[in-house]
Amino acid sequence: MANQLEQVVMSKAQKWLDGDYDEATKKQVKYLMDNDMKELTESFYKDLEFGTGGLRGIMGVGTNRMNVYTVGAATQGLANYLKKNFAGETVRVAVAHDSRNNSRMFAERVADIFASNGFDVYLFDDLRPTPELSFAIRELKCHSGVVITASHNPKEYNGYKAYWTDGAQVTSPHDVNIIAEVEKITDNSQVLTGAAGDRITILGEEFDKIYLDRIKRDVQLSPESVAKFSDMKIVYTPLHGAGMRLVPASLRNFGFTDIIMVPEQAVIDGNFPTVESPNPEERKTMSMAIELGRKEGADLVLATDPDSDRIGVALRNGKGEYVLLNGNETLALLLSYQLTRWAERGELDGGQYVVKTIVTSQMANAVAEHFGVKCYDCLTGFKYIAKIIRENEGKAKYIGGGEESFGYLAGDYVRDKDAVSACALAAEAAAWAKDTMGLTLYEWLQQLYVKYGFFREGLVSVVRKGKEGAEEIQRMMVEFRAEPPKVLAGSHVVKIRDYKSLEETDLLTGEKTPIEQDSSNVLQWITADGSIVSVRPSGTEPKIKFYFGVKEPLASVADYDKVLEQLNAKIETIKKDLKLI
């Protein structure tokens, strides 16, 4: 079996040696053939798959790596689909990239291929946040767009995300149709290049201003509070990424003047030299910003990932320590702020709604219910939030929403998570809380728990690598469906939601109710005391994820630490019941 695989790998590698590939690539392939069979196998044993969101992989030579040739095949396949879908029209596309190594080269290759296919192309002059690419598609009336980014993955990775006419990542049926076209590109000679001519328009600072002004127009709610606390200290880190220019510019556009960048991380560098992983979800990644915040006495510490769609927030608690919020806490604060201000301004009339994913905190539902605003629950992934916005266009007004994985979007001018606007909104919320209540954002969050209930969430990711790992994950899902848990943390499971069969079962009555949702391999168990456990295999990594949501009443802020301990203990008990620890 090993020899058979080796033969396949050597045959595919030889095609690259003999084919229409640049000399540097051929030299590297030849080196691997002669010296590193293991790396050669990893590079050629399969083709890098164009999934429903695009490409993501380690950079290098070979069919299973991110390089100009795999990016080229993906772009030509997408171009072919666009030509079929918009026959008779001049197709318009936008292209952007983040700070990762090779991102500019890949973006220029994408632009060249699109232009060589006869498309009008808008290419940003330098790195830009992913949400600005989404905005550009809408603003410039493009048919599609591509951003080169691997989000918050380690430095070895890069990726390719495809977007549709509404500025959202592609969804059904376009996703599978594009995949079919990409799979037809089997040779580099099928990829059109070098005929760009004057079809590429470069986007620069003038377009940034349009984007930033639109954020201010659609998102800002309390300019009076910002004016009073314009000198509020804000520490920000772009983590060597695309937020470096536009996040501070957005904060200044809102009226904030004292923005302190983490100097070591305000350097564009795809090696991300100051962090193990450029992921603002991790305290270690935020440590330099938090330390600078402590030295400066900052009211707010903010971070964005390399493509500036995820937001990290750290707030000072009553003991003067900086607490890194999780994505659920950030969402609860931003959503509560938006709905409170919309209500105070008399702008809620029953025609508004918010959106969250099914694995995101139920606190969002409680806040929305309090304000009489509909809250949609959708599958994991921002493209599903965008789909709900699209389906409601002309019928109802989207206010805000997001997901537990540190993504938030206020306003519908963009159709992906937007940390450029979320950072400005978080800063404004802090100024408003100080102005109207004399509270820090952290103190206000505690008061929200008293008002709505203390919601606490947890996450366990079980990694199972390789073919055997993927099979084990599928087996786990089959077993959970066959034998779901009966009791979790002492409370009976009373409802099961199966998003694969799209059916909710009430275990007390036996009644089955259809779930109005796209089908996905996700299970949810709801207990009598309101705890929710969600189980879902990751779509992009060799993981199965377990999400925990528990809740207790909070009588007063004085009880916060005690109840927090109880909630954390409950989550640990559920993990033990599921044999995860």
Protein backbone atom coordinates (compact mmCIF):
# COMPACT_ATOMS: atom_id res chain seq x y z
CA MET A 1 0.00 0.00 0.00
CA ALA A 2 2.85 2.35 0.92
CA ASN A 3 4.65 1.56 -2.35
CA GLN A 4 1.45 2.21 -4.29
CA LEU A 5 1.04 5.63 -2.64
CA GLU A 6 4.71 6.40 -3.30
CA GLN A 7 4.23 5.61 -6.99
CA VAL A 8 1.20 7.92 -7.22
CA VAL A 9 3.12 10.70 -5.46
CA MET A 10 6.20 10.29 -7.67
CA SER A 11 4.03 10.28 -10.80
CA LYS A 12 2.24 13.52 -9.79
CA ALA A 13 5.55 15.15 -8.85
CA GLN A 14 7.07 14.15 -12.20
CA LYS A 15 4.20 15.92 -13.99
CA TRP A 16 5.23 19.12 -12.22
CA LEU A 17 8.84 18.57 -13.33
CA ASP A 18 7.76 18.04 -16.94
CA GLY A 19 4.93 20.57 -17.03
CA ASP A 20 4.52 24.32 -17.48
CA TYR A 21 5.80 25.34 -14.03
CA ASP A 22 8.41 27.94 -13.07
CA GLU A 23 12.00 26.87 -12.53
CA ALA A 24 12.08 27.63 -8.78
CA THR A 25 9.06 25.36 -8.27
CA LYS A 26 10.64 22.57 -10.35
CA LYS A 27 13.88 22.89 -8.39
CA GLN A 28 12.02 22.52 -5.08
CA VAL A 29 10.02 19.51 -6.36
CA LYS A 30 13.27 17.84 -7.54
CA TYR A 31 14.87 18.51 -4.15
CA LEU A 32 11.96 16.82 -2.35
CA MET A 33 12.03 13.84 -4.75
CA ASP A 34 15.72 13.31 -4.01
CA ASN A 35 15.84 14.15 -0.31
CA ASP A 36 12.49 14.21 1.54
CA MET A 37 9.95 11.55 0.59
CA LYS A 38 7.82 12.33 3.64
CA GLU A 39 7.37 16.01 2.67
CA LEU A 40 6.93 15.06 -1.00
CA THR A 41 4.11 12.71 0.00
CA GLU A 42 2.42 15.38 2.12
CA SER A 43 2.72 17.81 -0.81
CA PHE A 44 1.36 15.53 -3.54
CA TYR A 45 -0.64 12.63 -2.04
CA LYS A 46 -3.91 14.47 -2.72
CA ASP A 47 -5.18 17.69 -4.27
CA LEU A 48 -5.87 20.64 -1.98
CA GLU A 49 -9.65 20.64 -1.88
CA PHE A 50 -11.71 23.65 -2.83
CA GLY A 51 -14.33 23.35 -0.08
CA THR A 52 -17.54 25.30 0.47
CA GLY A 53 -15.52 28.27 1.77
CA GLY A 54 -12.59 28.04 -0.65
CA LEU A 55 -9.02 26.86 -0.02
CA ARG A 56 -6.91 26.68 3.12
CA GLY A 57 -3.60 24.91 3.49
CA ILE A 58 0.12 24.99 4.20
CA MET A 59 2.16 26.96 1.65
CA GLY A 60 4.64 25.11 -0.55
CA VAL A 61 5.01 23.25 -3.84
CA GLY A 62 2.63 20.47 -4.82
CA THR A 63 -1.02 19.70 -5.43
CA ASN A 64 -1.83 19.63 -1.69
CA ARG A 65 -0.26 22.99 -0.92
CA MET A 66 -1.16 26.67 -1.28
CA ASN A 67 0.87 28.02 -4.22
CA VAL A 68 0.29 30.07 -7.37
CA TYR A 69 -0.80 26.95 -9.26
CA THR A 70 -3.42 25.66 -6.81
CA VAL A 71 -4.62 29.27 -6.39
CA GLY A 72 -4.66 29.56 -10.19
CA ALA A 73 -6.79 26.44 -10.66
CA ALA A 74 -9.27 27.65 -8.04
CA THR A 75 -9.50 31.07 -9.71
CA GLN A 76 -9.97 29.66 -13.21
CA GLY A 77 -12.70 27.33 -11.94
CA LEU A 78 -14.45 30.24 -10.23
CA ALA A 79 -14.03 32.36 -13.39
CA ASN A 80 -15.59 29.62 -15.53
CA TYR A 81 -18.58 29.43 -13.19
CA LEU A 82 -19.02 33.20 -13.19
CA LYS A 83 -18.96 33.25 -17.01
CA LYS A 84 -21.70 30.60 -17.09
CA ASN A 85 -23.76 32.25 -14.39
CA PHE A 86 -23.55 35.79 -15.80
CA ALA A 87 -23.46 35.04 -19.52
CA GLY A 88 -23.71 38.19 -21.62
CA GLU A 89 -22.54 40.47 -18.77
CA THR A 90 -19.13 41.99 -18.11
CA VAL A 91 -18.22 40.28 -14.86
CA ARG A 92 -16.82 42.52 -12.09
CA VAL A 93 -14.74 41.13 -9.22
CA ALA A 94 -12.85 42.54 -6.22
CA VAL A 95 -9.63 41.06 -4.81
CA ALA A 96 -7.99 41.66 -1.41
CA HIS A 97 -5.38 40.03 0.82
CA ASP A 98 -4.02 40.04 4.37
CA SER A 99 -0.47 40.19 5.77
CA ARG A 100 0.49 36.55 5.34
CA ASN A 101 3.59 35.50 3.45
CA ASN A 102 2.85 35.25 -0.30
CA SER A 103 -0.58 36.88 0.10
CA ARG A 104 0.26 39.77 -2.25
CA MET A 105 1.68 37.40 -4.86
CA PHE A 106 -1.43 35.19 -4.70
CA ALA A 107 -3.75 38.22 -4.90
CA GLU A 108 -1.96 39.57 -7.97
CA ARG A 109 -2.18 36.13 -9.62
CA VAL A 110 -5.92 36.00 -8.90
CA ALA A 111 -6.39 39.51 -10.36
CA ASP A 112 -4.36 38.58 -13.46
CA ILE A 113 -6.40 35.41 -14.10
CA PHE A 114 -9.72 37.20 -13.67
CA ALA A 115 -8.62 40.02 -15.99
CA SER A 116 -7.29 37.49 -18.54
CA ASN A 117 -10.79 35.96 -18.54
CA GLY A 118 -12.18 39.35 -19.60
CA PHE A 119 -13.39 40.49 -16.17
CA ASP A 120 -13.20 44.00 -14.71
CA VAL A 121 -11.06 43.64 -11.58
CA TYR A 122 -10.72 45.87 -8.49
CA LEU A 123 -7.49 45.06 -6.64
CA PHE A 124 -6.53 46.79 -3.38
CA ASP A 125 -3.12 48.47 -3.47
CA ASP A 126 -1.98 46.72 -0.28
CA LEU A 127 -3.29 44.50 2.50
CA ARG A 128 -6.85 45.20 3.69
CA PRO A 129 -9.33 43.77 6.23
CA THR A 130 -11.57 40.99 4.90
CA PRO A 131 -14.74 43.00 5.72
CA GLU A 132 -13.58 45.79 3.41
CA LEU A 133 -13.48 43.25 0.57
CA SER A 134 -17.10 42.34 1.38
CA PHE A 135 -17.98 46.05 1.39
CA ALA A 136 -16.20 46.60 -1.95
CA ILE A 137 -18.22 43.85 -3.65
CA ARG A 138 -21.44 45.57 -2.61
CA GLU A 139 -20.29 49.15 -3.16
CA LEU A 140 -18.80 48.50 -6.61
CA LYS A 141 -21.65 46.17 -7.67
CA CYS A 142 -19.34 43.24 -8.26
CA HIS A 143 -20.51 39.73 -9.14
CA SER A 144 -17.90 38.07 -6.92
CA GLY A 145 -14.75 38.61 -4.93
CA VAL A 146 -11.78 36.80 -3.43
CA VAL A 147 -9.72 37.46 -0.32
CA ILE A 148 -6.37 35.75 0.28
CA THR A 149 -6.23 34.91 3.99
CA ALA A 150 -5.99 32.00 6.40
CA SER A 151 -7.66 34.01 9.15
CA HIS A 152 -5.99 33.26 12.52
CA ASN A 153 -4.19 30.04 11.48
CA PRO A 154 -0.43 29.64 12.13
CA LYS A 155 2.10 31.34 9.82
CA GLU A 156 2.65 28.28 7.58
CA TYR A 157 -0.90 28.57 6.25
CA ASN A 158 -2.63 30.67 3.67
CA GLY A 159 -6.11 30.53 2.20
CA TYR A 160 -8.58 31.68 -0.43
CA LYS A 161 -12.16 32.72 0.32
CA ALA A 162 -14.72 33.25 -2.45
CA TYR A 163 -17.62 35.72 -2.16
CA TRP A 164 -20.87 36.23 -4.07
CA THR A 165 -22.76 39.28 -5.37
CA ASP A 166 -24.17 40.27 -1.95
CA GLY A 167 -20.69 40.43 -0.39
CA ALA A 168 -21.19 37.17 1.55
CA GLN A 169 -19.18 33.98 1.27
CA VAL A 170 -20.70 31.63 -1.28
CA THR A 171 -23.55 29.37 -0.13
CA SER A 172 -25.69 26.73 -1.82
CA PRO A 173 -26.09 26.14 -4.72
CA HIS A 174 -23.14 28.26 -5.85
CA ASP A 175 -20.63 26.62 -3.48
CA VAL A 176 -21.02 23.09 -4.88
CA ASN A 177 -21.30 24.39 -8.45
CA ILE A 178 -18.01 26.30 -8.10
CA ILE A 179 -16.34 23.20 -6.62
CA ALA A 180 -17.46 21.22 -9.70
CA GLU A 181 -15.87 23.80 -12.02
CA VAL A 182 -12.63 23.91 -10.01
CA GLU A 183 -12.34 20.11 -10.19
CA LYS A 184 -12.39 20.36 -14.01
CA ILE A 185 -9.12 22.32 -13.98
CA THR A 186 -6.63 19.45 -14.17
CA ASP A 187 -3.71 21.12 -15.92
CA ASN A 188 -1.92 24.45 -15.53
CA SER A 189 -2.38 25.10 -19.28
CA GLN A 190 -6.14 25.56 -18.67
CA VAL A 191 -5.48 28.66 -16.54
CA LEU A 192 -5.62 31.95 -18.47
CA THR A 193 -2.92 34.47 -17.51
CA GLY A 194 -0.92 37.38 -18.89
CA ALA A 195 -3.67 39.13 -20.83
CA ALA A 196 -4.79 41.57 -18.15
CA GLY A 197 -4.33 44.75 -20.18
CA ASP A 198 -6.05 47.69 -18.51
CA ARG A 199 -8.81 45.67 -16.84
CA ILE A 200 -7.36 45.98 -13.29
CA THR A 201 -8.35 49.05 -11.24
CA ILE A 202 -6.32 49.70 -8.07
CA LEU A 203 -8.25 50.68 -4.92
CA GLY A 204 -6.48 52.91 -2.40
CA GLU A 205 -7.09 55.38 0.44
CA GLU A 206 -10.03 57.05 -1.31
CA PHE A 207 -11.95 53.80 -1.10
CA ASP A 208 -10.93 53.33 2.57
CA LYS A 209 -12.58 56.66 3.34
CA ILE A 210 -15.86 55.52 1.73
CA TYR A 211 -15.76 52.36 3.87
CA LEU A 212 -14.91 54.15 7.12
CA ASP A 213 -17.55 56.84 6.58
CA ARG A 214 -20.15 54.14 5.93
CA ILE A 215 -19.23 52.43 9.21
CA LYS A 216 -19.66 55.70 11.07
CA ARG A 217 -22.97 56.46 9.36
CA ASP A 218 -24.48 53.01 9.94
CA VAL A 219 -22.95 51.99 13.27
CA GLN A 220 -22.34 55.03 15.51
CA LEU A 221 -25.06 55.53 18.14
CA SER A 222 -23.64 57.86 20.83
CA PRO A 223 -21.48 60.65 19.38
CA GLU A 224 -22.26 62.83 22.45
CA SER A 225 -20.72 60.25 24.81
CA VAL A 226 -17.68 59.88 22.58
CA ALA A 227 -17.21 63.67 22.57
CA LYS A 228 -17.16 63.68 26.40
CA PHE A 229 -14.68 60.81 26.63
CA SER A 230 -12.75 61.23 23.39
CA ASP A 231 -9.47 60.90 25.33
CA MET A 232 -10.40 57.51 26.80
CA LYS A 233 -7.25 55.34 26.67
CA ILE A 234 -7.49 52.53 24.11
CA VAL A 235 -4.66 50.03 23.55
CA TYR A 236 -4.85 48.21 20.23
CA THR A 237 -2.85 45.48 18.53
CA PRO A 238 -3.30 44.41 14.90
CA LEU A 239 -1.16 41.28 15.57
CA HIS A 240 1.01 42.13 12.54
CA GLY A 241 -2.06 42.16 10.32
CA ALA A 242 -4.48 44.07 8.13
CA GLY A 243 -6.17 46.05 10.91
CA MET A 244 -3.07 48.19 11.47
CA ARG A 245 -4.25 51.20 9.51
CA LEU A 246 -8.04 50.96 9.41
CA VAL A 247 -8.90 50.03 13.02
CA PRO A 248 -7.14 53.14 14.46
CA ALA A 249 -8.59 55.17 11.57
CA SER A 250 -12.09 53.92 12.40
CA LEU A 251 -11.63 54.75 16.10
CA ARG A 252 -10.44 58.26 15.17
CA ASN A 253 -13.34 58.62 12.73
CA PHE A 254 -15.73 57.96 15.65
CA GLY A 255 -13.95 60.68 17.65
CA PHE A 256 -11.42 58.84 19.85
CA THR A 257 -8.02 60.50 20.16
CA ASP A 258 -5.89 58.44 22.59
CA ILE A 259 -5.18 55.21 20.66
CA ILE A 260 -2.00 53.43 21.74
CA MET A 261 -0.64 50.76 19.39
CA VAL A 262 1.49 47.87 20.64
CA PRO A 263 4.68 48.92 18.82
CA GLU A 264 6.20 45.44 18.44
CA GLN A 265 2.98 44.16 16.84
CA ALA A 266 2.29 47.24 14.69
CA VAL A 267 4.67 45.77 12.12
CA ILE A 268 3.32 43.99 9.04
CA ASP A 269 4.92 40.55 9.15
CA GLY A 270 3.48 37.26 7.91
CA ASN A 271 5.74 35.35 10.30
CA PHE A 272 3.83 36.83 13.27
CA PRO A 273 7.11 36.98 15.24
CA THR A 274 5.69 38.03 18.63
CA VAL A 275 3.01 35.32 18.98
CA GLU A 276 2.72 31.54 18.68
CA SER A 277 -0.63 31.95 16.95
CA PRO A 278 -2.20 35.23 15.73
CA ASN A 279 -5.51 34.38 17.38
CA PRO A 280 -7.09 37.01 19.67
CA GLU A 281 -9.11 34.25 21.37
CA GLU A 282 -5.96 33.25 23.29
CA ARG A 283 -4.74 35.19 26.30
CA LYS A 284 -1.11 34.40 25.42
CA THR A 285 -1.60 36.13 22.06
CA MET A 286 -3.12 39.16 23.81
CA SER A 287 -0.46 39.29 26.54
CA MET A 288 1.65 42.14 25.08
CA ALA A 289 -1.44 44.28 24.55
CA ILE A 290 -2.75 43.53 28.05
CA GLU A 291 0.64 44.36 29.58
CA LEU A 292 0.74 47.68 27.70
CA GLY A 293 -2.85 48.33 28.80
CA ARG A 294 -1.82 47.75 32.42
CA LYS A 295 1.10 50.18 32.11
CA GLU A 296 -1.03 52.84 30.44
CA GLY A 297 -4.11 52.33 32.63
CA ALA A 298 -6.18 51.71 29.49
CA ASP A 299 -9.97 51.60 29.66
CA LEU A 300 -10.05 49.11 26.82
CA VAL A 301 -7.62 46.66 25.19
CA LEU A 302 -8.52 45.62 21.63
CA ALA A 303 -7.01 43.18 19.13
CA THR A 304 -7.80 41.92 15.64
CA ASP A 305 -6.59 38.81 13.82
CA PRO A 306 -4.48 39.03 10.61
CA ASP A 307 -7.42 39.72 8.29
CA SER A 308 -9.20 41.90 10.88
CA ASP A 309 -12.55 40.14 10.95
CA ARG A 310 -12.28 38.79 14.54
CA ILE A 311 -12.15 41.05 17.58
CA GLY A 312 -10.43 40.43 20.91
CA VAL A 313 -11.48 42.55 23.92
CA ALA A 314 -9.86 42.78 27.37
CA LEU A 315 -11.48 44.81 30.17
CA ARG A 316 -10.27 45.81 33.64
CA ASN A 317 -12.23 44.22 36.49
CA GLY A 318 -12.82 45.61 39.97
CA LYS A 319 -9.43 44.32 41.13
CA GLY A 320 -7.62 46.18 38.36
CA GLU A 321 -6.84 42.96 36.45
CA TYR A 322 -7.52 42.69 32.72
CA VAL A 323 -10.04 40.01 31.83
CA LEU A 324 -10.05 38.67 28.26
CA LEU A 325 -13.66 38.37 27.16
CA ASN A 326 -14.74 35.29 25.26
CA GLY A 327 -16.71 35.69 22.04
CA ASN A 328 -20.04 35.18 23.81
CA GLU A 329 -19.34 37.95 26.32
CA THR A 330 -18.25 40.37 23.58
CA LEU A 331 -21.40 39.59 21.61
CA ALA A 332 -23.63 40.04 24.69
CA LEU A 333 -22.09 43.47 25.37
CA LEU A 334 -22.22 44.77 21.81
CA LEU A 335 -25.74 43.47 21.17
CA SER A 336 -27.01 44.86 24.49
CA TYR A 337 -25.45 48.22 23.70
CA GLN A 338 -26.97 48.39 20.22
CA LEU A 339 -30.47 47.37 21.35
CA THR A 340 -30.40 49.70 24.37
CA ARG A 341 -29.46 52.67 22.22
CA TRP A 342 -31.90 51.80 19.43
CA ALA A 343 -34.65 51.68 22.09
CA GLU A 344 -33.54 54.97 23.71
CA ARG A 345 -33.51 56.65 20.31
CA GLY A 346 -37.04 55.40 19.60
CA GLU A 347 -35.90 53.36 16.60
CA LEU A 348 -37.35 49.96 17.58
CA ASP A 349 -40.76 49.44 15.97
CA GLY A 350 -40.99 45.65 15.67
CA GLY A 351 -39.40 45.61 12.23
CA GLN A 352 -35.86 44.80 13.42
CA TYR A 353 -33.99 41.57 14.11
CA VAL A 354 -30.65 40.18 15.29
CA VAL A 355 -28.86 36.93 14.44
CA LYS A 356 -26.64 34.44 16.29
CA THR A 357 -25.43 30.93 15.60
CA ILE A 358 -26.90 27.85 17.31
CA VAL A 359 -23.70 27.32 19.36
CA THR A 360 -23.58 30.95 20.58
CA SER A 361 -24.82 32.07 24.02
CA GLN A 362 -28.56 32.05 24.70
CA MET A 363 -28.02 35.40 26.42
CA ALA A 364 -28.44 37.01 22.99
CA ASN A 365 -31.94 35.50 22.78
CA ALA A 366 -32.79 36.80 26.25
CA VAL A 367 -31.61 40.34 25.42
CA ALA A 368 -33.52 40.35 22.11
CA GLU A 369 -36.68 39.09 23.81
CA HIS A 370 -36.46 41.87 26.42
CA PHE A 371 -36.46 44.49 23.65
CA GLY A 372 -39.15 42.75 21.59
CA VAL A 373 -36.70 42.09 18.75
CA LYS A 374 -36.69 38.81 16.81
CA CYS A 375 -33.53 36.71 17.24
CA TYR A 376 -32.68 34.24 14.50
CA ASP A 377 -30.53 31.19 15.27
CA CYS A 378 -28.51 29.87 12.33
CA LEU A 379 -25.81 27.32 11.62
CA THR A 380 -22.17 28.01 12.50
CA GLY A 381 -20.41 30.24 9.98
CA PHE A 382 -20.95 33.88 9.11
CA LYS A 383 -22.21 33.01 5.65
CA TYR A 384 -25.40 31.72 7.32
CA ILE A 385 -25.86 35.03 9.16
CA ALA A 386 -25.41 36.76 5.79
CA LYS A 387 -27.99 34.42 4.26
CA ILE A 388 -30.61 35.50 6.83
CA ILE A 389 -29.79 39.16 6.12
CA ARG A 390 -30.23 38.49 2.40
CA GLU A 391 -33.56 36.71 2.92
CA ASN A 392 -34.88 39.62 5.03
CA GLU A 393 -33.85 42.43 2.68
CA GLY A 394 -36.78 44.74 2.09
CA LYS A 395 -38.82 43.04 4.86
CA ALA A 396 -36.99 43.73 8.15
CA LYS A 397 -33.96 45.65 9.43
CA TYR A 398 -30.83 43.86 10.66
CA ILE A 399 -29.28 45.50 13.73
CA GLY A 400 -26.38 43.24 14.69
CA GLY A 401 -25.25 39.73 15.44
CA GLY A 402 -22.39 37.29 15.54
CA GLU A 403 -20.92 34.04 16.71
CA GLU A 404 -19.01 32.72 19.70
CA SER A 405 -15.78 32.53 17.70
CA PHE A 406 -15.08 36.28 18.18
CA GLY A 407 -16.99 37.56 15.15
CA TYR A 408 -19.51 40.44 15.20
CA LEU A 409 -21.25 42.54 12.56
CA ALA A 410 -23.19 45.75 13.29
CA GLY A 411 -25.24 46.95 10.30
CA ASP A 412 -25.74 45.28 6.94
CA TYR A 413 -23.36 47.31 4.72
CA VAL A 414 -20.94 44.34 4.99
CA ARG A 415 -21.87 40.65 4.86
CA ASP A 416 -19.07 39.15 6.92
CA LYS A 417 -17.83 39.67 10.45
CA ASP A 418 -16.19 43.08 10.78
CA ALA A 419 -13.69 43.84 13.53
CA VAL A 420 -13.02 47.33 12.10
CA SER A 421 -16.55 48.42 13.05
CA ALA A 422 -16.74 46.14 16.12
CA CYS A 423 -13.66 47.80 17.67
CA ALA A 424 -15.21 51.26 17.20
CA LEU A 425 -18.54 50.02 18.58
CA ALA A 426 -16.87 48.50 21.66
CA ALA A 427 -15.00 51.75 22.36
CA GLU A 428 -18.21 53.77 21.94
CA ALA A 429 -20.08 51.40 24.27
CA ALA A 430 -17.36 51.97 26.90
CA ALA A 431 -17.68 55.78 26.53
CA TRP A 432 -21.50 55.55 26.72
CA ALA A 433 -21.45 53.32 29.86
CA LYS A 434 -19.07 55.76 31.55
CA ASP A 435 -21.12 58.77 30.46
CA THR A 436 -24.63 57.54 31.30
CA MET A 437 -24.09 55.17 34.23
CA GLY A 438 -20.59 55.89 35.52
CA LEU A 439 -19.72 52.24 34.87
CA THR A 440 -16.91 50.44 33.12
CA LEU A 441 -17.94 47.97 30.41
CA TYR A 442 -16.98 45.13 32.74
CA GLU A 443 -19.25 46.49 35.49
CA TRP A 444 -22.07 46.88 32.98
CA LEU A 445 -21.63 43.29 31.81
CA GLN A 446 -22.04 42.12 35.41
CA GLN A 447 -25.23 44.19 35.73
CA LEU A 448 -26.54 42.63 32.51
CA TYR A 449 -26.09 39.22 34.13
CA VAL A 450 -28.21 40.36 37.07
CA LYS A 451 -30.88 41.54 34.63
CA TYR A 452 -30.97 38.63 32.16
CA GLY A 453 -29.40 35.75 34.08
CA PHE A 454 -25.78 34.68 34.35
CA PHE A 455 -24.98 32.78 31.16
CA ARG A 456 -21.66 30.94 30.99
CA GLU A 457 -20.20 29.00 28.08
CA GLY A 458 -17.38 26.52 27.53
CA LEU A 459 -15.77 24.67 24.64
CA VAL A 460 -13.81 21.42 24.26
CA SER A 461 -12.18 20.51 20.94
CA VAL A 462 -11.21 16.85 20.54
CA VAL A 463 -8.55 16.48 17.82
CA ARG A 464 -8.46 13.29 15.74
CA LYS A 465 -6.02 13.56 12.83
CA GLY A 466 -5.82 11.69 9.54
CA LYS A 467 -8.17 9.29 7.79
CA GLU A 468 -8.65 7.16 10.94
CA GLY A 469 -9.38 10.28 12.97
CA ALA A 470 -12.05 11.44 10.52
CA GLU A 471 -13.69 8.00 10.69
CA GLU A 472 -13.59 8.05 14.50
CA ILE A 473 -15.30 11.46 14.57
CA GLN A 474 -18.08 10.18 12.31
CA ARG A 475 -18.40 7.09 14.54
CA MET A 476 -18.77 9.31 17.61
CA MET A 477 -21.66 11.18 15.96
CA VAL A 478 -23.36 7.88 15.03
CA GLU A 479 -23.01 6.65 18.64
CA PHE A 480 -24.32 9.91 20.11
CA ARG A 481 -27.40 9.62 17.89
CA ALA A 482 -27.93 5.99 18.88
CA GLU A 483 -27.30 6.54 22.59
CA PRO A 484 -27.59 10.18 23.66
CA PRO A 485 -26.81 11.06 27.29
CA LYS A 486 -29.79 10.84 29.65
CA VAL A 487 -28.52 13.13 32.45
CA LEU A 488 -25.96 15.97 32.37
CA ALA A 489 -24.71 17.58 35.61
CA GLY A 490 -27.65 16.03 37.47
CA SER A 491 -30.33 17.40 35.12
CA HIS A 492 -32.30 15.18 32.75
CA VAL A 493 -31.97 15.70 28.99
CA VAL A 494 -35.49 16.71 27.90
CA LYS A 495 -34.96 17.73 24.27
CA ILE A 496 -32.72 16.62 21.44
CA ARG A 497 -32.18 18.73 18.34
CA ASP A 498 -30.68 16.92 15.37
CA TYR A 499 -29.71 19.37 12.66
CA LYS A 500 -28.87 16.52 10.28
CA SER A 501 -32.40 15.10 10.25
CA LEU A 502 -33.78 18.60 11.02
CA GLU A 503 -35.92 17.26 13.84
CA GLU A 504 -36.39 18.25 17.48
CA THR A 505 -37.56 15.51 19.83
CA ASP A 506 -39.29 16.26 23.14
CA LEU A 507 -38.24 13.33 25.32
CA LEU A 508 -41.04 13.98 27.83
CA THR A 509 -43.90 13.82 25.32
CA GLY A 510 -42.27 12.01 22.40
CA GLU A 511 -43.40 14.85 20.13
CA LYS A 512 -41.20 15.57 17.11
CA THR A 513 -41.01 19.06 15.60
CA PRO A 514 -39.30 19.99 12.30
CA ILE A 515 -36.34 22.40 12.51
CA GLU A 516 -36.41 25.11 9.86
CA GLN A 517 -32.73 25.25 9.00
CA ASP A 518 -30.16 24.04 6.48
CA SER A 519 -29.07 20.50 7.26
CA SER A 520 -25.78 20.10 9.16
CA ASN A 521 -24.14 17.34 11.20
CA VAL A 522 -24.85 18.94 14.59
CA LEU A 523 -26.53 17.57 17.72
CA GLN A 524 -27.91 19.55 20.67
CA TRP A 525 -29.02 18.24 24.05
CA ILE A 526 -31.17 20.49 26.24
CA THR A 527 -31.61 19.64 29.93
CA ALA A 528 -34.48 20.37 32.31
CA ASP A 529 -32.49 23.18 33.97
CA GLY A 530 -31.86 24.91 30.61
CA SER A 531 -28.28 23.78 29.99
CA ILE A 532 -27.42 23.22 26.32
CA VAL A 533 -24.67 21.01 24.91
CA SER A 534 -23.92 21.16 21.17
CA VAL A 535 -21.73 18.65 19.34
CA ARG A 536 -20.34 19.36 15.88
CA PRO A 537 -17.47 18.07 13.78
CA SER A 538 -15.39 21.00 12.49
CA GLY A 539 -15.69 21.71 8.77
CA THR A 540 -12.11 22.99 8.42
CA GLU A 541 -10.03 21.08 11.01
CA PRO A 542 -9.66 17.45 12.23
CA LYS A 543 -11.74 18.18 15.33
CA ILE A 544 -15.05 17.45 16.96
CA LYS A 545 -16.23 20.37 19.07
CA PHE A 546 -18.38 20.30 22.22
CA TYR A 547 -20.05 23.59 23.20
CA PHE A 548 -21.51 24.05 26.68
CA GLY A 549 -24.04 26.66 27.76
CA VAL A 550 -25.23 26.89 31.37
CA LYS A 551 -27.19 29.51 33.29
CA GLU A 552 -28.02 30.53 36.87
CA PRO A 553 -29.81 33.57 38.29
CA LEU A 554 -27.52 36.30 39.67
CA ALA A 555 -29.19 38.14 42.55
CA SER A 556 -26.57 40.90 42.73
CA VAL A 557 -23.12 41.80 41.44
CA ALA A 558 -21.79 40.94 44.92
CA ASP A 559 -22.57 37.28 44.17
CA TYR A 560 -20.75 37.30 40.81
CA ASP A 561 -17.61 35.36 41.84
CA LYS A 562 -19.58 32.74 43.77
CA VAL A 563 -22.05 32.07 40.92
CA LEU A 564 -19.24 32.09 38.34
CA GLU A 565 -17.56 29.31 40.32
CA GLN A 566 -20.82 27.32 40.35
CA LEU A 567 -21.29 27.71 36.60
CA ASN A 568 -17.70 26.71 35.83
CA ALA A 569 -18.09 23.67 38.11
CA LYS A 570 -21.29 22.70 36.26
CA ILE A 571 -19.50 22.83 32.91
CA GLU A 572 -16.70 20.65 34.30
CA THR A 573 -19.28 18.12 35.56
CA ILE A 574 -20.90 17.95 32.09
CA LYS A 575 -17.45 17.33 30.57
CA LYS A 576 -16.94 14.44 33.01
CA ASP A 577 -20.40 13.03 32.25
CA LEU A 578 -19.46 12.99 28.54
CA LYS A 579 -16.04 11.45 29.41
CA LEU A 580 -14.21 14.42 27.89
CA ILE A 581 -11.96 14.81 30.96
